[in-house]
Each structure stands twice: as C-alpha cells, then as structure tokens.
Amino acid sequence: MLVLAALAPQALLATSLRAQRPQPNAAARPALASRTVDSIVAVALRTFPTPGVAVAVIQDGKVVVAKGYGVKKLGDPAPVTPQTRFGIASNTKVFTAVALGMLVEEGKLEWDAPVIRYLPQFAMYDPFVTREITIKDLLVHRSGLGLGAGDLLWWPASTYTRAEIMRRLRFIKPATSFRSAYAYDNVLYLVAGEVIETVSGMSWERFIESRILQRVGMTHSTSRHGDAATPGDVAQTHTLLEGTLAAIAPMTSDNTNPAGGINSGAEDMAKWVMSLLDSGRVGDGSRLYQPATARMLQAPVTPTPNTPPPGFIAPLASEFSFYALGLGVGTFRGRKLLHHTGGLPGYLSSVAWIPSERAGVVVLTNDESPTFLALTWTLMDRVLRTPQPFDFIAGFDSLRARQQVALQGAARQAQAARDSASRPSLALAKYAGPYADAWYGDIDIAHEGGRLVIRFSHTPQLVGDMIPWQHDTFLVRWRDRELRADAYITFMLTPDGGIDHAKMLPASPDVDFSFDFQDLELRPRRR
C-alpha cells in the first residue's frame, strides 16, 4: 500500500508557495497527445505480462485520454474498452470518506464525534479507545491496530456479516497505543460503512450508487466486490501462478465493500478525478460537497514512513508523507500530490492527482504486475511536461527483478535453516482437535489419512494440509493454490505433553498483509 511519512512544517509551507507561483498559460503549452499515451502503454504491456489496462489522463483540467488497452481476458480477443470495469480496491476508501463528508455537511455527523454516538454497540479492545475513537479516526490508520489486523474476518471471503466483523474487533489486541503510529487497516472502513448506513438510512452500497456514482455520471460503475463475477464489460482477474500468467477467481465477498468494493473503468474514473480536482463539483455544475469538505479530506493527519525509494525509481522521493481521509498526501516533482493505490487478487489500481496543476492519472490493471505504478508516474511526468521525463517503466521492471531475487533468497534461507531431521514431539493425532482464536473464532485441525488438515470454519477457502516442517512447526499448504498464502503453524506444549496454544506466521514475505495469520492465537477448545 502507500508508503508515507512526515516532514517539518517549513517544507509544507515551501511546497505551498511553489504551488502558488504563476504558471505559464496552459493554452501556450502543448497538450499531451493521445498517440503518446498509446505508445507509452504499448511499451508497458510489452514489458510486463499484463493482459489489459484502463488509463485516464487529465491535463490542465481537461480529460485528454480515457481509454482501454489490451484484452479483458488472456486468450480472448475482446478488448478493454473505456467502460470496462476493474476492481479499484482501496481506491474505494476516498468514496467512503466523501460519503461521510456529505453527511457531516447535512448535520447528521460530526468528524470529531465518538463513533459510539452513532454505533453504541461498537467497541475496541481497550475501553479508552472505544470511548475516544472518532469518525475521523476510522479513516486515518492510527487506531492502534496492527497492519491489516482483522482482515482474516473477511479475506478470503468469509461467512461473517459486517455486523459480526465489527463485533469481533473488540477481541483484537492493539499493536500500538492509540493515535501513536500509522498502520494500514481495512476493517475500520467497514465500521465507517456501518455509520453511513445508520445515519443515512441507506446501505453503504445504495448511498454510494445513488448519491455519488449517479451524481458524478459514473454510469458504468458498481459498488460491490461481487459485481466482478457478473456478466458484462468486466475485466477478468489474472496473476502469476508458479511462474505462469493465469486467470483466477475474483474477490466476490461483499462484507467489506466500504474498504474496497467499487468497480469502475477509465471513462468513469476520469469523471471522478475531475470532481476531486474541482473540490466536489460535478459535470452539471452542482457540487457533491463544499470546498471546506475538500480541504478536510485532503488535510494531512497521520505521518507515515517516508523511506527513500531505490535508485531505479528515484524521482518518487517525496518531501513529506501523510495519510489524510481516504488518501495519501505527498509530493511529486516538487508539487503537492494526492494519491492512493488499490489491490485485490488479480486487480491493481493507482489514482494520483496534483491540484495545483489540475492534473491526474488513473491506471487500472487486470493482473498483479507493477504496470499500474510504472504507467502512473511515466504518464504524470508527461502531464507535467517534465523536461527530462524518467523511464519509470524500466525502473519498475528493475525493481521487480530485484524483488524476485530477494524472494528467492528468502526461500533458500528458510530452507537452509530448517532442521529437516527433526520430528514432531507428539503423534500427529495429538495435534488434532477443535481450536478457537479470540477474534477469528473456530478453527479445526483434523487427522485424516495419516496427515493433519486445518480448516477455518468461517472461511471456506482456508483449508490446508499441514506438512511437518521442523520440531512442532508445520507448513500449512492451502489447497486453493490461488491464495498464494502458505503459512507456518507452531504448537506450544504444556509440561504434561498437551497443547497449550498455537501461533501462525506467513511462510513468505510475498504473502499479502491481509492474511494476518500472525495475529492469531489458537487455543484448544472443549469438545
């Protein structure tokens, strides 16, 4: 996700002053040609194994490109069109923030009011946090939850309802103290969706569709993860499975739509960014929200890590880095930048805009290559008319190669450290039985056909074979290989040889952070 951090107020002021300097008349500067965008996208599609991409480019306050490239599905000639829908994943978050802002303007909410004013049943692990956490806090990743904490309640698709997911948050122990550190989460956006439903009388989906998508003119967009599997002009999801690009099943569970459920295309996302650039004004001249709400949405709140990028992509160094309300705030080429990325199985997206230049770029892809980032920054350089634009496509290709080498090295290191001659302390059948985690719920381990099998009772896809790794640690190899999320499970024994509890960890740094196995503590439950 986003990599953000803080900078001193003087730097914020300097950036603000730069943005106010007189700019040459836009009419006197050549506009980015559509054929130039076509050529850049063609290079990216040759470099990365991406079947299809949707691109929207805004320059000087005008949409210069809103097109589809490539194909919707590998092996099928049907092209990506300007209307083809892709899952935009976490780029949904700013829609949820806008919805809250609209309700604030209507007097139905207050940004700094406690969540329990509107949802009395809501609770976090710490009673102090339950009492103090505000509507704004739901959006800015500073609640004290760890990275991705609680995501296993909905990822992969679970049987839990939104109300039950929210109820279970009270059992997740914090990783840090309240408002002291940044850690990206999804589950609190689900809570924000429940707030919207409670105060508006409409489901989050209905509110987004009727009050935002229709008003902006995003007539081809939808609000549900499940729509990615419906017929129509929809991009198929793809990823690399054991080195080969293949179509995979999309995420279809709707219980966390407020954090990432919107599906959209180039044409509609261009309209959305035009609205963001104009402080909520839409095509008919009316406003979704007022400029004061726009300022609130964009105001930096949570300082976030600002790690210098590697030389492959050096121009992405940001002067400062924060999270605001559903979006990141930083700089690009000395200008204030608003941006976010999104990721789901087989979909990646990037949305970036620079208010001072009335410029924006949207890239949506139907695979998991770095195409979405390589194109975003290559095109933004062209939009800004950078005298010597950087080759971000080559840069991200080099970064990808380095990351692959690092992953291979990590796998070799894990294998070398393994004590393959060791054996489990107990007979396999002794590890079997019903377990439970305080926040996830029931997890069962069975002894079947001479091996152990683990099943997460509320997540049908999480069924895995437990292969002895070393000592009392097993490698969980999920039967659904599209998950790409194998994990270790380690058992701690009691002095009399019973099971006290078990802990889990992702087996590779490549496992998506939403598989928050590390937050589980499995304890035997009574039969």
Protein backbone atom coordinates (compact mmCIF):
# COMPACT_ATOMS: atom_id res chain seq x y z
CA MET A 1 0.00 0.00 0.00
CA LEU A 2 1.02 3.61 0.40
CA VAL A 3 4.42 4.46 1.88
CA LEU A 4 4.01 7.80 3.65
CA ALA A 5 5.81 9.89 6.28
CA ALA A 6 6.03 13.33 7.84
CA LEU A 7 8.09 16.43 7.13
CA ALA A 8 8.61 19.66 9.03
CA PRO A 9 6.03 22.49 8.62
CA GLN A 10 8.62 24.61 6.80
CA ALA A 11 8.65 22.09 3.97
CA LEU A 12 4.87 22.13 3.81
CA LEU A 13 4.99 25.92 3.50
CA ALA A 14 7.67 25.76 0.82
CA THR A 15 5.58 23.35 -1.22
CA SER A 16 2.52 25.54 -0.80
CA LEU A 17 4.43 28.60 -2.03
CA ARG A 18 5.76 26.71 -5.04
CA ALA A 19 2.21 25.72 -5.95
CA GLN A 20 1.18 29.39 -5.88
CA ARG A 21 3.86 30.60 -8.28
CA PRO A 22 2.46 31.83 -11.58
CA GLN A 23 2.27 29.11 -14.21
CA PRO A 24 2.59 29.61 -17.95
CA ASN A 25 -0.73 29.90 -19.77
CA ALA A 26 -1.94 26.33 -20.39
CA ALA A 27 -3.09 27.31 -23.88
CA ALA A 28 0.50 28.17 -24.78
CA ARG A 29 1.80 24.75 -23.75
CA PRO A 30 1.33 21.72 -25.99
CA ALA A 31 -1.19 19.18 -24.73
CA LEU A 32 -0.24 15.56 -24.24
CA ALA A 33 -1.13 13.71 -27.42
CA SER A 34 -3.27 10.58 -27.25
CA ARG A 35 -0.80 8.79 -29.51
CA THR A 36 1.97 9.49 -26.98
CA VAL A 37 -0.08 7.78 -24.27
CA ASP A 38 -0.75 4.91 -26.66
CA SER A 39 2.98 4.44 -27.25
CA ILE A 40 3.81 4.53 -23.55
CA VAL A 41 1.12 1.97 -22.71
CA ALA A 42 2.34 -0.28 -25.53
CA VAL A 43 5.85 -0.30 -24.02
CA ALA A 44 4.44 -1.18 -20.59
CA LEU A 45 2.36 -4.05 -21.99
CA ARG A 46 5.44 -5.42 -23.73
CA THR A 47 7.50 -5.12 -20.54
CA PHE A 48 5.04 -6.64 -18.07
CA PRO A 49 2.67 -9.61 -18.51
CA THR A 50 -0.47 -7.50 -18.08
CA PRO A 51 -3.38 -8.57 -20.34
CA GLY A 52 -5.33 -5.32 -20.13
CA VAL A 53 -5.26 -1.83 -18.69
CA ALA A 54 -7.57 1.15 -18.39
CA VAL A 55 -5.99 4.60 -18.43
CA ALA A 56 -7.36 8.07 -17.76
CA VAL A 57 -5.20 11.19 -18.08
CA ILE A 58 -6.21 14.72 -17.09
CA GLN A 59 -4.05 17.69 -18.06
CA ASP A 60 -4.79 21.36 -17.39
CA GLY A 61 -8.23 20.42 -16.10
CA LYS A 62 -9.25 18.51 -19.23
CA VAL A 63 -9.57 14.79 -19.91
CA VAL A 64 -7.10 14.08 -22.70
CA VAL A 65 -7.30 10.27 -22.57
CA ALA A 66 -9.84 7.78 -21.17
CA LYS A 67 -9.17 4.52 -22.95
CA GLY A 68 -8.78 0.80 -22.62
CA TYR A 69 -5.78 -1.16 -23.90
CA GLY A 70 -5.13 -4.85 -24.33
CA VAL A 71 -7.70 -7.54 -23.59
CA LYS A 72 -10.14 -8.27 -20.80
CA LYS A 73 -9.11 -11.91 -20.56
CA LEU A 74 -5.96 -13.73 -21.57
CA GLY A 75 -6.64 -15.82 -24.68
CA ASP A 76 -9.82 -13.92 -25.55
CA PRO A 77 -9.63 -11.12 -28.14
CA ALA A 78 -12.35 -8.99 -26.51
CA PRO A 79 -10.64 -5.62 -25.92
CA VAL A 80 -10.66 -3.44 -22.83
CA THR A 81 -12.99 -0.51 -23.55
CA PRO A 82 -13.25 2.90 -21.86
CA GLN A 83 -16.20 1.46 -19.90
CA THR A 84 -14.65 -1.92 -18.90
CA ARG A 85 -14.89 -2.38 -15.15
CA PHE A 86 -11.92 -3.26 -12.96
CA GLY A 87 -11.95 -3.63 -9.19
CA ILE A 88 -10.43 -0.40 -7.86
CA ALA A 89 -9.96 -1.97 -4.39
CA SER A 90 -8.70 0.53 -1.79
CA ASN A 91 -9.27 3.47 -4.12
CA THR A 92 -12.81 2.97 -2.82
CA LYS A 93 -11.74 4.42 0.53
CA VAL A 94 -11.93 8.05 -0.57
CA PHE A 95 -15.53 7.43 -1.75
CA THR A 96 -16.36 6.31 1.80
CA ALA A 97 -14.63 9.42 3.16
CA VAL A 98 -16.59 11.64 0.76
CA ALA A 99 -19.84 9.98 1.84
CA LEU A 100 -19.06 10.79 5.47
CA GLY A 101 -18.19 14.36 4.50
CA MET A 102 -21.56 14.76 2.77
CA LEU A 103 -23.33 13.56 5.92
CA VAL A 104 -21.29 15.99 8.02
CA GLU A 105 -22.45 18.83 5.76
CA GLU A 106 -26.05 17.69 6.28
CA GLY A 107 -25.62 17.90 10.06
CA LYS A 108 -26.05 14.16 10.56
CA LEU A 109 -22.44 13.54 11.65
CA GLU A 110 -19.50 15.31 13.24
CA TRP A 111 -15.94 14.43 12.23
CA ASP A 112 -14.69 14.62 15.81
CA ALA A 113 -17.65 12.92 17.47
CA PRO A 114 -17.07 9.48 19.03
CA VAL A 115 -18.13 6.54 16.92
CA ILE A 116 -20.23 5.18 19.78
CA ARG A 117 -22.55 8.21 19.47
CA TYR A 118 -23.79 6.64 16.23
CA LEU A 119 -22.96 2.97 16.86
CA PRO A 120 -23.43 2.30 20.60
CA GLN A 121 -22.63 -1.39 20.04
CA PHE A 122 -19.15 -0.64 18.65
CA ALA A 123 -16.15 -1.49 20.81
CA MET A 124 -12.39 -1.84 20.52
CA TYR A 125 -10.16 -3.97 22.77
CA ASP A 126 -9.25 -1.02 25.01
CA PRO A 127 -12.26 0.72 26.66
CA PHE A 128 -10.43 4.04 26.43
CA VAL A 129 -10.15 3.69 22.66
CA THR A 130 -13.81 2.64 22.45
CA ARG A 131 -14.77 5.85 24.22
CA GLU A 132 -12.42 8.19 22.34
CA ILE A 133 -12.17 6.94 18.75
CA THR A 134 -13.89 9.38 16.38
CA ILE A 135 -15.42 9.28 12.93
CA LYS A 136 -12.23 10.83 11.53
CA ASP A 137 -10.11 8.20 13.31
CA LEU A 138 -11.88 5.46 11.34
CA LEU A 139 -10.24 6.75 8.15
CA VAL A 140 -6.64 7.56 9.08
CA HIS A 141 -4.97 4.31 10.25
CA ARG A 142 -3.92 5.37 13.74
CA SER A 143 -6.28 3.33 15.93
CA GLY A 144 -3.55 1.12 17.41
CA LEU A 145 -4.49 -1.91 15.31
CA GLY A 146 -1.56 -3.59 13.56
CA LEU A 147 -1.06 -3.76 9.80
CA GLY A 148 -4.07 -5.50 8.27
CA ALA A 149 -5.34 -6.59 11.69
CA GLY A 150 -8.68 -8.36 11.48
CA ASP A 151 -8.59 -8.83 7.72
CA LEU A 152 -8.95 -12.60 8.08
CA LEU A 153 -12.51 -11.87 9.20
CA TRP A 154 -13.31 -11.07 5.56
CA TRP A 155 -10.27 -12.08 3.46
CA PRO A 156 -10.55 -14.53 1.78
CA ALA A 157 -14.33 -14.41 1.53
CA SER A 158 -15.90 -15.33 4.86
CA THR A 159 -19.36 -16.12 6.14
CA TYR A 160 -19.26 -13.27 8.65
CA THR A 161 -21.64 -10.35 8.22
CA ARG A 162 -20.45 -6.77 8.58
CA ALA A 163 -22.16 -6.53 11.94
CA GLU A 164 -20.36 -9.64 13.20
CA ILE A 165 -16.99 -8.47 11.87
CA MET A 166 -17.47 -5.18 13.69
CA ARG A 167 -18.46 -7.01 16.90
CA ARG A 168 -15.29 -9.10 16.80
CA LEU A 169 -12.97 -6.07 16.66
CA ARG A 170 -13.24 -5.82 20.46
CA PHE A 171 -11.19 -9.01 20.75
CA ILE A 172 -8.20 -7.84 18.65
CA LYS A 173 -5.33 -6.70 20.83
CA PRO A 174 -3.71 -3.42 19.76
CA ALA A 175 -0.20 -3.35 18.34
CA THR A 176 0.50 0.22 19.48
CA SER A 177 -1.12 2.84 21.66
CA PHE A 178 -3.99 4.91 20.31
CA ARG A 179 -3.04 7.62 17.78
CA SER A 180 0.68 6.97 18.23
CA ALA A 181 1.57 5.19 14.97
CA TYR A 182 0.46 4.53 11.42
CA ALA A 183 -0.68 1.02 10.47
CA TYR A 184 -2.86 0.47 7.43
CA ASP A 185 -6.18 -1.25 8.11
CA ASN A 186 -9.36 -2.14 6.26
CA VAL A 187 -11.78 -3.17 8.99
CA LEU A 188 -12.39 0.34 10.31
CA TYR A 189 -13.61 1.40 6.87
CA LEU A 190 -16.17 -1.36 7.27
CA VAL A 191 -17.21 0.37 10.51
CA ALA A 192 -17.40 3.67 8.61
CA GLY A 193 -19.79 1.94 6.21
CA GLU A 194 -21.97 0.92 9.15
CA VAL A 195 -22.01 4.54 10.33
CA ILE A 196 -23.15 5.69 6.88
CA GLU A 197 -25.98 3.13 6.88
CA THR A 198 -27.11 4.06 10.39
CA VAL A 199 -27.28 7.82 9.91
CA SER A 200 -28.45 7.90 6.28
CA GLY A 201 -30.96 5.06 6.37
CA MET A 202 -29.35 3.60 3.24
CA SER A 203 -26.89 0.76 2.87
CA TRP A 204 -23.37 1.85 2.04
CA GLU A 205 -23.84 0.43 -1.48
CA ARG A 206 -27.09 2.30 -2.07
CA PHE A 207 -25.62 5.56 -0.74
CA ILE A 208 -22.54 5.30 -2.97
CA GLU A 209 -24.59 4.42 -6.05
CA SER A 210 -27.37 6.98 -5.70
CA ARG A 211 -25.60 9.86 -4.02
CA ILE A 212 -22.13 9.68 -5.58
CA LEU A 213 -21.80 7.45 -8.66
CA GLN A 214 -25.01 8.68 -10.30
CA ARG A 215 -24.30 12.32 -9.46
CA VAL A 216 -20.79 12.18 -10.89
CA GLY A 217 -22.06 10.43 -14.02
CA MET A 218 -20.22 7.18 -13.31
CA THR A 219 -22.99 5.21 -15.01
CA HIS A 220 -20.89 2.12 -15.74
CA SER A 221 -19.52 1.73 -12.20
CA THR A 222 -20.80 -0.52 -9.42
CA SER A 223 -20.33 -0.72 -5.66
CA ARG A 224 -19.90 -4.43 -4.87
CA HIS A 225 -16.98 -6.85 -4.94
CA GLY A 226 -19.43 -9.45 -6.21
CA ASP A 227 -20.01 -7.50 -9.42
CA ALA A 228 -16.54 -8.57 -10.61
CA ALA A 229 -18.02 -12.02 -11.31
CA THR A 230 -21.12 -10.86 -13.18
CA PRO A 231 -21.56 -10.90 -16.97
CA GLY A 232 -20.87 -7.75 -18.92
CA ASP A 233 -17.99 -5.44 -19.71
CA VAL A 234 -15.77 -6.68 -16.85
CA ALA A 235 -12.02 -7.36 -16.85
CA GLN A 236 -11.05 -10.88 -15.79
CA THR A 237 -8.58 -11.16 -12.91
CA HIS A 238 -5.12 -12.70 -13.54
CA THR A 239 -1.92 -13.43 -11.68
CA LEU A 240 1.26 -15.47 -11.97
CA LEU A 241 0.73 -18.99 -10.63
CA GLU A 242 4.03 -20.86 -10.34
CA GLY A 243 5.53 -18.58 -12.97
CA THR A 244 2.68 -18.73 -15.50
CA LEU A 245 0.10 -15.99 -16.03
CA ALA A 246 -3.38 -17.42 -15.47
CA ALA A 247 -6.94 -16.27 -14.92
CA ILE A 248 -8.04 -16.51 -11.29
CA ALA A 249 -11.32 -16.09 -9.45
CA PRO A 250 -12.06 -12.51 -8.34
CA MET A 251 -12.87 -11.45 -4.80
CA THR A 252 -16.68 -11.64 -4.55
CA SER A 253 -17.49 -11.19 -0.87
CA ASP A 254 -19.45 -8.00 -0.21
CA ASN A 255 -18.92 -7.76 3.54
CA THR A 256 -16.11 -5.24 3.18
CA ASN A 257 -17.31 -3.16 0.22
CA PRO A 258 -16.74 0.15 2.09
CA ALA A 259 -12.99 -0.56 2.10
CA GLY A 260 -12.62 -1.72 -1.49
CA GLY A 261 -15.76 -2.79 -3.32
CA ILE A 262 -16.12 -0.33 -6.22
CA ASN A 263 -15.66 -1.49 -9.82
CA SER A 264 -15.02 1.16 -12.45
CA GLY A 265 -13.32 1.96 -15.75
CA ALA A 266 -11.28 4.65 -17.46
CA GLU A 267 -14.18 6.83 -18.54
CA ASP A 268 -15.90 6.89 -15.16
CA MET A 269 -12.70 7.30 -13.14
CA ALA A 270 -11.79 10.31 -15.29
CA LYS A 271 -15.06 11.91 -14.19
CA TRP A 272 -14.28 11.09 -10.57
CA VAL A 273 -10.83 12.65 -10.63
CA MET A 274 -12.21 15.74 -12.41
CA SER A 275 -14.62 16.10 -9.49
CA LEU A 276 -11.82 15.67 -6.94
CA LEU A 277 -9.75 18.30 -8.73
CA ASP A 278 -12.67 20.75 -8.59
CA SER A 279 -13.47 20.37 -4.87
CA GLY A 280 -16.53 18.21 -5.46
CA ARG A 281 -18.03 19.94 -8.47
CA VAL A 282 -19.60 17.52 -10.98
CA GLY A 283 -20.38 17.74 -14.68
CA ASP A 284 -23.69 19.60 -14.36
CA GLY A 285 -22.06 22.33 -12.26
CA SER A 286 -23.54 21.22 -8.94
CA ARG A 287 -21.46 20.01 -6.01
CA LEU A 288 -21.25 16.71 -4.19
CA TYR A 289 -19.65 18.58 -1.29
CA GLN A 290 -18.34 22.03 -0.49
CA PRO A 291 -14.73 23.27 -0.70
CA ALA A 292 -14.44 23.14 3.11
CA THR A 293 -15.06 19.40 2.97
CA ALA A 294 -12.49 19.06 0.19
CA ARG A 295 -9.94 20.77 2.42
CA MET A 296 -10.83 18.42 5.27
CA LEU A 297 -10.45 15.33 3.06
CA GLN A 298 -7.02 16.45 1.86
CA ALA A 299 -5.57 17.74 5.13
CA PRO A 300 -2.62 15.62 6.36
CA VAL A 301 -3.44 13.73 9.56
CA THR A 302 -1.24 10.70 10.22
CA PRO A 303 2.50 10.91 9.49
CA THR A 304 3.64 7.80 7.69
CA PRO A 305 7.00 6.23 6.79
CA ASN A 306 8.84 8.11 4.07
CA THR A 307 11.52 5.64 3.04
CA PRO A 308 13.70 6.91 0.17
CA PRO A 309 12.96 4.89 -2.97
CA PRO A 310 15.70 2.86 -4.65
CA GLY A 311 17.63 4.46 -7.49
CA PHE A 312 15.52 2.57 -10.04
CA ILE A 313 12.65 4.93 -9.22
CA ALA A 314 14.48 7.80 -7.51
CA PRO A 315 12.12 10.63 -8.67
CA LEU A 316 9.41 9.16 -6.42
CA ALA A 317 11.21 10.58 -3.37
CA SER A 318 8.65 12.68 -1.51
CA GLU A 319 9.37 15.77 0.58
CA PHE A 320 6.77 14.66 3.13
CA SER A 321 4.26 11.87 3.52
CA PHE A 322 0.96 11.66 5.38
CA TYR A 323 -2.36 9.86 5.30
CA ALA A 324 -5.43 12.09 5.09
CA LEU A 325 -9.07 10.95 4.85
CA GLY A 326 -9.02 8.02 2.47
CA LEU A 327 -5.99 9.20 0.52
CA GLY A 328 -2.27 9.81 0.80
CA VAL A 329 -0.58 13.20 0.71
CA GLY A 330 2.97 13.70 -0.52
CA THR A 331 4.90 15.41 -3.29
CA PHE A 332 5.90 14.58 -6.86
CA ARG A 333 8.36 16.79 -8.74
CA GLY A 334 8.04 19.43 -6.01
CA ARG A 335 4.24 19.64 -6.20
CA LYS A 336 1.67 18.54 -3.64
CA LEU A 337 0.38 15.11 -4.64
CA LEU A 338 -2.79 13.29 -3.59
CA HIS A 339 -2.81 9.60 -4.32
CA HIS A 340 -3.80 6.06 -3.39
CA THR A 341 -3.29 2.55 -4.66
CA GLY A 342 -5.53 -0.49 -4.51
CA GLY A 343 -5.03 -4.23 -4.69
CA LEU A 344 -7.26 -7.30 -4.89
CA PRO A 345 -6.50 -10.77 -6.28
CA GLY A 346 -5.89 -10.06 -9.97
CA TYR A 347 -6.60 -6.32 -9.85
CA LEU A 348 -4.23 -3.41 -9.12
CA SER A 349 -5.02 0.28 -9.39
CA SER A 350 -3.46 3.69 -8.90
CA VAL A 351 -5.12 7.11 -8.72
CA ALA A 352 -2.98 10.25 -8.43
CA TRP A 353 -3.75 13.93 -8.85
CA ILE A 354 -1.94 17.24 -8.42
CA PRO A 355 -4.40 20.04 -7.61
CA SER A 356 -2.06 22.93 -8.41
CA GLU A 357 -1.64 21.67 -11.98
CA ARG A 358 -5.22 20.41 -12.41
CA ALA A 359 -3.61 17.12 -13.40
CA GLY A 360 -4.44 13.50 -12.72
CA VAL A 361 -3.68 9.95 -13.81
CA VAL A 362 -5.68 6.76 -13.27
CA VAL A 363 -4.37 3.28 -14.13
CA LEU A 364 -6.36 0.08 -13.60
CA THR A 365 -4.96 -3.36 -14.47
CA ASN A 366 -6.20 -6.94 -14.51
CA ASP A 367 -3.07 -8.57 -13.16
CA GLU A 368 -0.58 -8.06 -10.32
CA SER A 369 2.44 -6.70 -12.21
CA PRO A 370 3.87 -3.22 -11.42
CA THR A 371 2.30 -1.92 -14.64
CA PHE A 372 -0.11 0.25 -12.64
CA LEU A 373 2.71 2.17 -10.94
CA ALA A 374 5.05 2.30 -13.92
CA LEU A 375 2.34 3.87 -16.05
CA THR A 376 1.05 6.25 -13.36
CA TRP A 377 4.37 8.00 -12.90
CA THR A 378 5.51 7.81 -16.53
CA LEU A 379 2.28 9.48 -17.59
CA MET A 380 2.35 12.00 -14.75
CA ASP A 381 5.80 13.12 -15.93
CA ARG A 382 4.32 13.74 -19.38
CA VAL A 383 1.28 15.51 -17.97
CA LEU A 384 3.57 17.86 -16.03
CA ARG A 385 5.72 18.39 -19.14
CA THR A 386 8.85 17.37 -17.23
CA PRO A 387 11.83 18.43 -19.41
CA GLN A 388 13.63 15.12 -18.98
CA PRO A 389 10.97 12.53 -18.10
CA PHE A 390 12.14 9.49 -16.18
CA ASP A 391 11.86 5.95 -17.53
CA PHE A 392 9.64 4.55 -14.78
CA ILE A 393 8.76 1.50 -16.88
CA ALA A 394 12.39 0.37 -16.94
CA GLY A 395 12.71 1.42 -13.29
CA PHE A 396 9.84 -0.72 -12.06
CA ASP A 397 11.00 -3.60 -14.23
CA SER A 398 14.38 -3.44 -12.49
CA LEU A 399 12.68 -3.19 -9.10
CA ARG A 400 10.55 -6.22 -9.92
CA ALA A 401 13.66 -8.23 -10.81
CA ARG A 402 15.34 -7.23 -7.55
CA GLN A 403 12.28 -8.20 -5.54
CA GLN A 404 12.16 -11.61 -7.23
CA VAL A 405 15.79 -12.22 -6.33
CA ALA A 406 15.07 -11.21 -2.72
CA LEU A 407 12.10 -13.59 -2.50
CA GLN A 408 14.15 -16.45 -3.90
CA GLY A 409 16.88 -15.69 -1.38
CA ALA A 410 14.38 -15.68 1.49
CA ALA A 411 13.05 -19.07 0.39
CA ARG A 412 16.56 -20.53 0.23
CA GLN A 413 17.39 -19.10 3.64
CA ALA A 414 14.25 -20.61 5.20
CA GLN A 415 15.04 -23.98 3.67
CA ALA A 416 18.67 -23.85 4.85
CA ALA A 417 17.62 -23.01 8.41
CA ARG A 418 15.19 -25.91 8.55
CA ASP A 419 16.13 -28.85 10.76
CA SER A 420 14.76 -31.44 8.37
CA ALA A 421 15.91 -34.32 10.55
CA SER A 422 13.70 -33.23 13.44
CA ARG A 423 10.32 -34.77 14.13
CA PRO A 424 7.14 -33.53 15.84
CA SER A 425 7.11 -34.05 19.61
CA LEU A 426 3.74 -35.79 19.54
CA ALA A 427 1.93 -38.30 17.39
CA LEU A 428 0.09 -36.39 14.65
CA ALA A 429 -3.31 -37.33 16.06
CA LYS A 430 -2.40 -35.49 19.30
CA TYR A 431 -2.32 -32.15 17.46
CA ALA A 432 -5.81 -32.69 16.03
CA GLY A 433 -8.90 -31.22 17.63
CA PRO A 434 -11.08 -28.13 17.81
CA TYR A 435 -9.32 -24.80 18.38
CA ALA A 436 -10.51 -21.22 18.66
CA ASP A 437 -9.00 -17.76 18.34
CA ALA A 438 -10.49 -14.95 20.41
CA TRP A 439 -11.25 -12.68 17.45
CA TYR A 440 -11.46 -15.01 14.45
CA GLY A 441 -13.44 -17.84 16.02
CA ASP A 442 -13.35 -21.60 15.45
CA ILE A 443 -10.51 -23.33 13.60
CA ASP A 444 -10.42 -27.12 13.37
CA ILE A 445 -7.47 -29.45 12.86
CA ALA A 446 -8.30 -33.00 11.78
CA HIS A 447 -6.19 -36.13 11.43
CA GLU A 448 -7.18 -37.54 8.04
CA GLY A 449 -5.47 -40.30 6.08
CA GLY A 450 -2.30 -40.08 8.14
CA ARG A 451 -1.88 -36.30 7.87
CA LEU A 452 -3.20 -33.15 9.51
CA VAL A 453 -5.70 -30.83 7.81
CA ILE A 454 -6.61 -27.34 9.09
CA ARG A 455 -9.96 -25.67 8.37
CA PHE A 456 -11.02 -22.12 9.20
CA SER A 457 -14.70 -22.57 9.98
CA HIS A 458 -15.88 -19.22 8.59
CA THR A 459 -13.57 -19.10 5.55
CA PRO A 460 -14.32 -21.89 3.06
CA GLN A 461 -11.11 -21.30 1.05
CA LEU A 462 -8.83 -21.70 4.08
CA VAL A 463 -8.43 -25.48 4.03
CA GLY A 464 -4.83 -26.64 4.12
CA ASP A 465 -2.62 -29.67 4.53
CA MET A 466 -0.17 -29.42 7.44
CA ILE A 467 3.26 -30.68 6.39
CA PRO A 468 5.81 -31.27 9.19
CA TRP A 469 8.46 -28.56 8.86
CA GLN A 470 10.64 -28.87 11.93
CA HIS A 471 10.03 -29.81 15.55
CA ASP A 472 6.48 -28.69 16.41
CA THR A 473 6.16 -26.37 13.42
CA PHE A 474 4.15 -27.36 10.34
CA LEU A 475 3.88 -25.74 6.93
CA VAL A 476 0.24 -25.12 6.03
CA ARG A 477 -0.14 -25.58 2.29
CA TRP A 478 -3.55 -24.25 1.26
CA ARG A 479 -5.41 -26.47 -1.18
CA ASP A 480 -6.60 -23.41 -3.09
CA ARG A 481 -3.28 -22.51 -4.71
CA GLU A 482 -4.66 -19.20 -5.98
CA LEU A 483 -4.37 -17.88 -2.41
CA ARG A 484 -0.55 -17.78 -2.54
CA ALA A 485 -0.51 -17.52 1.24
CA ASP A 486 1.09 -20.63 2.76
CA ALA A 487 1.78 -20.26 6.48
CA TYR A 488 3.65 -21.80 9.38
CA ILE A 489 1.83 -23.04 12.46
CA THR A 490 3.84 -23.72 15.63
CA PHE A 491 2.48 -25.55 18.67
CA MET A 492 3.48 -24.75 22.24
CA LEU A 493 3.17 -27.69 24.61
CA THR A 494 2.25 -27.96 28.28
CA PRO A 495 4.61 -29.76 30.70
CA ASP A 496 2.46 -32.90 30.52
CA GLY A 497 2.66 -33.04 26.71
CA GLY A 498 -0.66 -31.41 25.89
CA ILE A 499 -1.27 -28.49 23.54
CA ASP A 500 -1.23 -25.10 25.25
CA HIS A 501 -1.70 -22.96 22.12
CA ALA A 502 -0.51 -22.48 18.55
CA LYS A 503 0.74 -19.44 16.62
CA MET A 504 0.83 -18.84 12.88
CA LEU A 505 3.04 -16.79 10.57
CA PRO A 506 3.09 -16.19 6.80
CA ALA A 507 5.62 -18.52 5.20
CA SER A 508 6.93 -15.91 2.76
CA PRO A 509 7.35 -12.13 2.67
CA ASP A 510 5.33 -12.29 -0.56
CA VAL A 511 2.12 -13.19 1.31
CA ASP A 512 -0.39 -10.33 1.23
CA PHE A 513 -0.58 -8.47 4.56
CA SER A 514 -4.33 -9.07 4.74
CA PHE A 515 -3.56 -12.68 5.62
CA ASP A 516 -2.85 -11.56 9.18
CA PHE A 517 -2.04 -15.04 10.48
CA GLN A 518 0.45 -13.54 12.94
CA ASP A 519 -2.40 -12.04 14.95
CA LEU A 520 -4.00 -15.43 15.66
CA GLU A 521 -3.54 -17.40 18.86
CA LEU A 522 -5.21 -20.79 18.57
CA ARG A 523 -6.19 -22.43 21.84
CA PRO A 524 -7.77 -25.86 22.23
CA ARG A 525 -11.46 -25.64 22.96
CA ARG A 526 -13.54 -28.13 24.79
CA ARG A 527 -15.27 -30.67 22.60
